[in-house]
Amino acid sequence: MSIRSIRVVPDPVLRTVCDPITTITPAVRGLVTDLLDTVDDPGRAGLSANQIGVSLRAFSYNIDGRVGYVLNPVIEETSGEQYGDEGCLSLPGLWYQTPRADYARCRGIDLDGHTVVLEGRGVMGRMIQHECDHLDGHVYIDRLERDERRKAMRQMRESAGGSRR
């Protein structure tokens, strides 16, 4: 379909808990196409539906040549720890060391209603957690330690004088 514009903080859709997809409609199929088209850009690891203004539980991913999507994802398991740079298309220009589990596994469905299990360590594990957070109305800076979060909020306020998409 098309590459969609990315919503940025403080857009309220990013703080809204997304609704489950109950029926696979032509609109849901179009959403998946848009998610896949929009995530297929260098430097984009994942994209949630609310980042393109749709409050439905769906995300796409593009990691190490592996591209796909999950509808109604639910994290089933996490383990280990990682602490590394994390950024977000909805918080352009901000990168902060963010604690996450090293491994994550989520379960959802595809457009045919079949079960999809997506799991991984490192960047894949981080992306699964990051995108599921989005679908629950959270952005990654919510996970930062208090001083780092204040620094991120200050940086966002200082750049607010610039253009917003």
C-alpha atoms as a PDB file:
ATOM      1  CA  MET A   1       0.000   0.000   0.000  1.00  0.00           C
ATOM      2  CA  SER A   2       2.225   2.831   1.233  1.00  0.00           C
ATOM      3  CA  ILE A   3       4.910   4.110   3.515  1.00  0.00           C
ATOM      4  CA  ARG A   4       3.146   5.887   6.365  1.00  0.00           C
ATOM      5  CA  SER A   5       4.211   8.902   8.433  1.00  0.00           C
ATOM      6  CA  ILE A   6       5.537   8.147  11.892  1.00  0.00           C
ATOM      7  CA  ARG A   7       3.714   9.665  14.864  1.00  0.00           C
ATOM      8  CA  VAL A   8       6.016  11.299  17.402  1.00  0.00           C
ATOM      9  CA  VAL A   9       5.731  12.021  21.117  1.00  0.00           C
ATOM     10  CA  PRO A  10       3.564  13.704  22.455  1.00  0.00           C
ATOM     11  CA  ASP A  11       0.942  12.343  20.018  1.00  0.00           C
ATOM     12  CA  PRO A  12      -1.706  10.765  22.304  1.00  0.00           C
ATOM     13  CA  VAL A  13      -2.066   7.661  20.090  1.00  0.00           C
ATOM     14  CA  LEU A  14       1.366   6.603  21.397  1.00  0.00           C
ATOM     15  CA  ARG A  15       0.033   6.557  24.965  1.00  0.00           C
ATOM     16  CA  THR A  16      -3.120   4.610  24.089  1.00  0.00           C
ATOM     17  CA  VAL A  17      -3.439   0.893  24.789  1.00  0.00           C
ATOM     18  CA  CYS A  18      -4.145  -0.706  21.426  1.00  0.00           C
ATOM     19  CA  ASP A  19      -7.240  -2.804  20.797  1.00  0.00           C
ATOM     20  CA  PRO A  20      -6.964  -6.481  19.842  1.00  0.00           C
ATOM     21  CA  ILE A  21      -7.706  -7.425  16.270  1.00  0.00           C
ATOM     22  CA  THR A  22     -10.884  -9.494  16.397  1.00  0.00           C
ATOM     23  CA  THR A  23     -11.558  -9.945  12.673  1.00  0.00           C
ATOM     24  CA  ILE A  24      -9.214 -10.028   9.713  1.00  0.00           C
ATOM     25  CA  THR A  25     -10.742  -7.394   7.436  1.00  0.00           C
ATOM     26  CA  PRO A  26      -9.437  -5.753   4.271  1.00  0.00           C
ATOM     27  CA  ALA A  27      -8.458  -2.786   6.491  1.00  0.00           C
ATOM     28  CA  VAL A  28      -6.329  -5.087   8.696  1.00  0.00           C
ATOM     29  CA  ARG A  29      -4.692  -6.576   5.598  1.00  0.00           C
ATOM     30  CA  GLY A  30      -3.938  -3.042   4.380  1.00  0.00           C
ATOM     31  CA  LEU A  31      -2.516  -2.153   7.804  1.00  0.00           C
ATOM     32  CA  VAL A  32      -0.107  -5.108   7.651  1.00  0.00           C
ATOM     33  CA  THR A  33       1.007  -4.073   4.155  1.00  0.00           C
ATOM     34  CA  ASP A  34       1.594  -0.516   5.389  1.00  0.00           C
ATOM     35  CA  LEU A  35       3.505  -1.765   8.441  1.00  0.00           C
ATOM     36  CA  LEU A  36       5.745  -3.935   6.251  1.00  0.00           C
ATOM     37  CA  ASP A  37       6.294  -1.162   3.689  1.00  0.00           C
ATOM     38  CA  THR A  38       7.073   1.395   6.401  1.00  0.00           C
ATOM     39  CA  VAL A  39       9.476  -0.802   8.391  1.00  0.00           C
ATOM     40  CA  ASP A  40      11.384  -1.691   5.210  1.00  0.00           C
ATOM     41  CA  ASP A  41      13.801   1.211   5.510  1.00  0.00           C
ATOM     42  CA  PRO A  42      17.435   1.129   6.653  1.00  0.00           C
ATOM     43  CA  GLY A  43      17.788   1.549  10.403  1.00  0.00           C
ATOM     44  CA  ARG A  44      14.224   0.500  11.207  1.00  0.00           C
ATOM     45  CA  ALA A  45      14.030  -2.625  13.362  1.00  0.00           C
ATOM     46  CA  GLY A  46      10.363  -2.553  14.307  1.00  0.00           C
ATOM     47  CA  LEU A  47       7.170  -0.553  13.945  1.00  0.00           C
ATOM     48  CA  SER A  48       3.928  -0.747  15.897  1.00  0.00           C
ATOM     49  CA  ALA A  49       0.532   0.115  14.441  1.00  0.00           C
ATOM     50  CA  ASN A  50       0.011   3.061  16.791  1.00  0.00           C
ATOM     51  CA  GLN A  51       3.239   4.613  15.496  1.00  0.00           C
ATOM     52  CA  ILE A  52       1.385   5.103  12.211  1.00  0.00           C
ATOM     53  CA  GLY A  53      -1.792   6.237  13.958  1.00  0.00           C
ATOM     54  CA  VAL A  54      -3.739   2.966  14.166  1.00  0.00           C
ATOM     55  CA  SER A  55      -4.686   1.756  17.651  1.00  0.00           C
ATOM     56  CA  LEU A  56      -4.671  -1.968  16.875  1.00  0.00           C
ATOM     57  CA  ARG A  57      -2.369  -4.642  18.315  1.00  0.00           C
ATOM     58  CA  ALA A  58       0.031  -5.267  15.434  1.00  0.00           C
ATOM     59  CA  PHE A  59       3.704  -4.716  14.712  1.00  0.00           C
ATOM     60  CA  SER A  60       6.172  -5.357  11.934  1.00  0.00           C
ATOM     61  CA  TYR A  61       9.896  -6.020  12.158  1.00  0.00           C
ATOM     62  CA  ASN A  62      13.000  -5.927   9.980  1.00  0.00           C
ATOM     63  CA  ILE A  63      16.058  -7.408  11.682  1.00  0.00           C
ATOM     64  CA  ASP A  64      19.056  -8.918   9.913  1.00  0.00           C
ATOM     65  CA  GLY A  65      17.081  -9.439   6.713  1.00  0.00           C
ATOM     66  CA  ARG A  66      14.216 -11.095   8.575  1.00  0.00           C
ATOM     67  CA  VAL A  67      10.997  -9.168   7.873  1.00  0.00           C
ATOM     68  CA  GLY A  68       7.561 -10.003   9.216  1.00  0.00           C
ATOM     69  CA  TYR A  69       4.631  -9.033  11.398  1.00  0.00           C
ATOM     70  CA  VAL A  70       2.640 -10.258  14.392  1.00  0.00           C
ATOM     71  CA  LEU A  71      -1.005  -9.518  15.145  1.00  0.00           C
ATOM     72  CA  ASN A  72      -2.199  -9.488  18.769  1.00  0.00           C
ATOM     73  CA  PRO A  73       1.265 -10.187  20.188  1.00  0.00           C
ATOM     74  CA  VAL A  74       1.580 -11.175  23.836  1.00  0.00           C
ATOM     75  CA  ILE A  75       4.962 -11.637  25.480  1.00  0.00           C
ATOM     76  CA  GLU A  76       5.066 -15.140  26.939  1.00  0.00           C
ATOM     77  CA  GLU A  77       8.582 -15.293  28.268  1.00  0.00           C
ATOM     78  CA  THR A  78      11.634 -13.151  28.925  1.00  0.00           C
ATOM     79  CA  SER A  79      14.968 -14.061  30.468  1.00  0.00           C
ATOM     80  CA  GLY A  80      18.454 -12.728  31.001  1.00  0.00           C
ATOM     81  CA  GLU A  81      19.469  -9.099  30.907  1.00  0.00           C
ATOM     82  CA  GLN A  82      20.864  -6.649  28.397  1.00  0.00           C
ATOM     83  CA  TYR A  83      21.622  -2.990  28.729  1.00  0.00           C
ATOM     84  CA  GLY A  84      22.207  -1.222  25.455  1.00  0.00           C
ATOM     85  CA  ASP A  85      21.423   1.702  23.203  1.00  0.00           C
ATOM     86  CA  GLU A  86      17.787   1.984  22.271  1.00  0.00           C
ATOM     87  CA  GLY A  87      16.076   4.507  20.065  1.00  0.00           C
ATOM     88  CA  CYS A  88      12.610   4.954  18.655  1.00  0.00           C
ATOM     89  CA  LEU A  89      11.139   6.363  15.455  1.00  0.00           C
ATOM     90  CA  SER A  90       8.601   8.204  17.626  1.00  0.00           C
ATOM     91  CA  LEU A  91      11.399   9.872  19.618  1.00  0.00           C
ATOM     92  CA  PRO A  92      13.696  10.965  16.781  1.00  0.00           C
ATOM     93  CA  GLY A  93      17.302  11.634  17.700  1.00  0.00           C
ATOM     94  CA  LEU A  94      17.100  10.164  21.207  1.00  0.00           C
ATOM     95  CA  TRP A  95      19.263   7.156  22.049  1.00  0.00           C
ATOM     96  CA  TYR A  96      19.630   5.940  25.623  1.00  0.00           C
ATOM     97  CA  GLN A  97      21.030   2.913  27.398  1.00  0.00           C
ATOM     98  CA  THR A  98      17.890   0.962  28.241  1.00  0.00           C
ATOM     99  CA  PRO A  99      17.538  -2.154  30.374  1.00  0.00           C
ATOM    100  CA  ARG A 100      15.712  -5.054  28.729  1.00  0.00           C
ATOM    101  CA  ALA A 101      15.564  -8.817  28.997  1.00  0.00           C
ATOM    102  CA  ASP A 102      18.074 -10.428  26.645  1.00  0.00           C
ATOM    103  CA  TYR A 103      15.593 -13.040  25.411  1.00  0.00           C
ATOM    104  CA  ALA A 104      11.925 -12.516  24.597  1.00  0.00           C
ATOM    105  CA  ARG A 105       9.237 -14.670  23.049  1.00  0.00           C
ATOM    106  CA  CYS A 106       5.816 -13.470  21.937  1.00  0.00           C
ATOM    107  CA  ARG A 107       2.840 -15.291  20.512  1.00  0.00           C
ATOM    108  CA  GLY A 108       0.223 -13.871  18.183  1.00  0.00           C
ATOM    109  CA  ILE A 109      -1.441 -14.647  14.879  1.00  0.00           C
ATOM    110  CA  ASP A 110      -0.954 -13.976  11.182  1.00  0.00           C
ATOM    111  CA  LEU A 111      -3.494 -12.798   8.607  1.00  0.00           C
ATOM    112  CA  ASP A 112      -4.792 -16.362   8.215  1.00  0.00           C
ATOM    113  CA  GLY A 113      -5.406 -16.719  11.953  1.00  0.00           C
ATOM    114  CA  HIS A 114      -2.518 -19.145  12.390  1.00  0.00           C
ATOM    115  CA  THR A 115      -0.380 -18.944  15.509  1.00  0.00           C
ATOM    116  CA  VAL A 116       2.883 -17.047  15.143  1.00  0.00           C
ATOM    117  CA  VAL A 117       5.709 -17.339  17.658  1.00  0.00           C
ATOM    118  CA  LEU A 118       8.501 -14.788  17.405  1.00  0.00           C
ATOM    119  CA  GLU A 119      11.499 -15.094  19.660  1.00  0.00           C
ATOM    120  CA  GLY A 120      15.065 -13.987  19.893  1.00  0.00           C
ATOM    121  CA  ARG A 121      17.973 -12.647  21.867  1.00  0.00           C
ATOM    122  CA  GLY A 122      19.803  -9.362  21.621  1.00  0.00           C
ATOM    123  CA  VAL A 123      18.323  -6.978  19.066  1.00  0.00           C
ATOM    124  CA  MET A 124      15.386  -9.294  18.268  1.00  0.00           C
ATOM    125  CA  GLY A 125      14.567  -9.693  21.961  1.00  0.00           C
ATOM    126  CA  ARG A 126      14.824  -5.931  22.474  1.00  0.00           C
ATOM    127  CA  MET A 127      12.566  -5.223  19.473  1.00  0.00           C
ATOM    128  CA  ILE A 128       9.852  -7.638  20.648  1.00  0.00           C
ATOM    129  CA  GLN A 129       9.729  -5.933  24.044  1.00  0.00           C
ATOM    130  CA  HIS A 130       9.923  -2.428  22.528  1.00  0.00           C
ATOM    131  CA  GLU A 131       7.032  -2.999  20.105  1.00  0.00           C
ATOM    132  CA  CYS A 132       4.828  -4.746  22.678  1.00  0.00           C
ATOM    133  CA  ASP A 133       5.454  -1.796  25.004  1.00  0.00           C
ATOM    134  CA  HIS A 134       4.189   0.528  22.249  1.00  0.00           C
ATOM    135  CA  LEU A 135       1.013  -1.534  21.905  1.00  0.00           C
ATOM    136  CA  ASP A 136       0.486  -1.143  25.664  1.00  0.00           C
ATOM    137  CA  GLY A 137       0.823   2.660  25.399  1.00  0.00           C
ATOM    138  CA  HIS A 138       4.448   2.944  26.555  1.00  0.00           C
ATOM    139  CA  VAL A 139       7.601   4.349  24.967  1.00  0.00           C
ATOM    140  CA  TYR A 140      11.084   3.146  25.802  1.00  0.00           C
ATOM    141  CA  ILE A 141      12.020   6.193  27.883  1.00  0.00           C
ATOM    142  CA  ASP A 142       9.437   4.971  30.426  1.00  0.00           C
ATOM    143  CA  ARG A 143      11.934   2.190  31.238  1.00  0.00           C
ATOM    144  CA  LEU A 144      14.884   4.504  31.864  1.00  0.00           C
ATOM    145  CA  GLU A 145      16.210   5.153  35.329  1.00  0.00           C
ATOM    146  CA  ARG A 146      14.900   8.409  36.791  1.00  0.00           C
ATOM    147  CA  ASP A 147      17.932  10.605  36.023  1.00  0.00           C
ATOM    148  CA  GLU A 148      18.226   9.310  32.462  1.00  0.00           C
ATOM    149  CA  ARG A 149      14.497   9.791  31.917  1.00  0.00           C
ATOM    150  CA  ARG A 150      14.730  13.408  33.098  1.00  0.00           C
ATOM    151  CA  LYS A 151      17.624  13.948  30.703  1.00  0.00           C
ATOM    152  CA  ALA A 152      15.596  12.459  27.831  1.00  0.00           C
ATOM    153  CA  MET A 153      12.558  14.600  28.689  1.00  0.00           C
ATOM    154  CA  ARG A 154      14.742  17.719  28.796  1.00  0.00           C
ATOM    155  CA  GLN A 155      16.264  16.835  25.419  1.00  0.00           C
ATOM    156  CA  MET A 156      12.748  16.371  23.977  1.00  0.00           C
ATOM    157  CA  ARG A 157      11.614  19.766  25.315  1.00  0.00           C
ATOM    158  CA  GLU A 158      14.712  21.476  23.901  1.00  0.00           C
ATOM    159  CA  SER A 159      14.136  19.982  20.477  1.00  0.00           C
ATOM    160  CA  ALA A 160      10.379  20.751  20.563  1.00  0.00           C
ATOM    161  CA  GLY A 161      11.125  24.171  19.046  1.00  0.00           C
ATOM    162  CA  GLY A 162      12.076  22.347  15.858  1.00  0.00           C
ATOM    163  CA  SER A 163       9.676  20.869  13.343  1.00  0.00           C
ATOM    164  CA  ARG A 164       7.344  18.026  14.258  1.00  0.00           C
ATOM    165  CA  ARG A 165       5.877  15.527  11.851  1.00  0.00           C
END
